[in-house]
């Protein structure tokens, strides 16, 4: 394997890690939305405040 191939593979891995981070963020957003839909109004307000810190 040449250095160019190794650098190419490394670049691909960095891009894949970035993509997976984005997927993880999207999953977290969907999870929060689902949880909010399952709660009553006062619980939704409390959760929103908790998530906002």
Protein backbone atom coordinates (compact mmCIF):
# COMPACT_ATOMS: atom_id res chain seq x y z
CA UNK A 1 0.00 0.00 0.00
CA UNK A 2 1.22 3.41 -0.91
CA UNK A 3 0.94 6.52 1.19
CA UNK A 4 -1.65 7.94 -1.23
CA UNK A 5 -3.89 4.93 -0.68
CA UNK A 6 -3.50 5.17 3.10
CA UNK A 7 -4.34 8.89 3.03
CA UNK A 8 -7.36 8.20 0.85
CA UNK A 9 -8.63 5.53 3.24
CA UNK A 10 -8.02 7.86 6.20
CA UNK A 11 -9.96 10.62 4.47
CA UNK A 12 -12.84 8.23 3.78
CA UNK A 13 -12.87 7.20 7.44
CA UNK A 14 -12.98 10.82 8.61
CA UNK A 15 -15.92 11.49 6.27
CA UNK A 16 -17.72 8.39 7.56
CA UNK A 17 -17.22 9.46 11.18
CA UNK A 18 -18.68 12.88 10.34
CA UNK A 19 -21.65 11.23 8.63
CA UNK A 20 -22.25 8.96 11.61
CA UNK A 21 -22.12 11.93 14.00
CA UNK A 22 -24.81 13.61 11.89
CA UNK A 23 -26.93 10.44 11.94
CA UNK A 24 -26.52 10.23 15.72
CA UNK A 25 -27.66 13.86 16.11
CA UNK A 26 -30.70 13.21 13.90
CA UNK A 27 -31.58 10.11 15.96
CA UNK A 28 -31.37 12.12 19.16
CA UNK A 29 -33.69 14.78 17.71
CA UNK A 30 -36.19 12.12 16.62
CA UNK A 31 -36.00 10.43 20.01
CA UNK A 32 -36.73 13.72 21.77
CA UNK A 33 -39.65 14.46 19.42
CA UNK A 34 -41.13 11.01 20.02
CA UNK A 35 -40.75 11.35 23.77
CA UNK A 36 -42.43 14.77 23.70
CA UNK A 37 -45.41 13.39 21.78
CA UNK A 38 -45.91 10.71 24.41
CA UNK A 39 -46.04 13.17 27.29
CA UNK A 40 -48.87 15.35 28.57
CA UNK A 41 -48.57 19.12 28.21
CA UNK A 42 -47.02 19.87 31.61
CA UNK A 43 -44.53 17.05 31.14
CA UNK A 44 -43.63 18.43 27.70
CA UNK A 45 -42.87 21.84 29.21
CA UNK A 46 -40.70 20.27 31.90
CA UNK A 47 -38.81 18.17 29.34
CA UNK A 48 -38.21 21.20 27.12
CA UNK A 49 -36.77 23.14 30.04
CA UNK A 50 -34.61 20.19 31.05
CA UNK A 51 -33.27 19.72 27.50
CA UNK A 52 -32.51 23.44 27.23
CA UNK A 53 -30.51 23.25 30.46
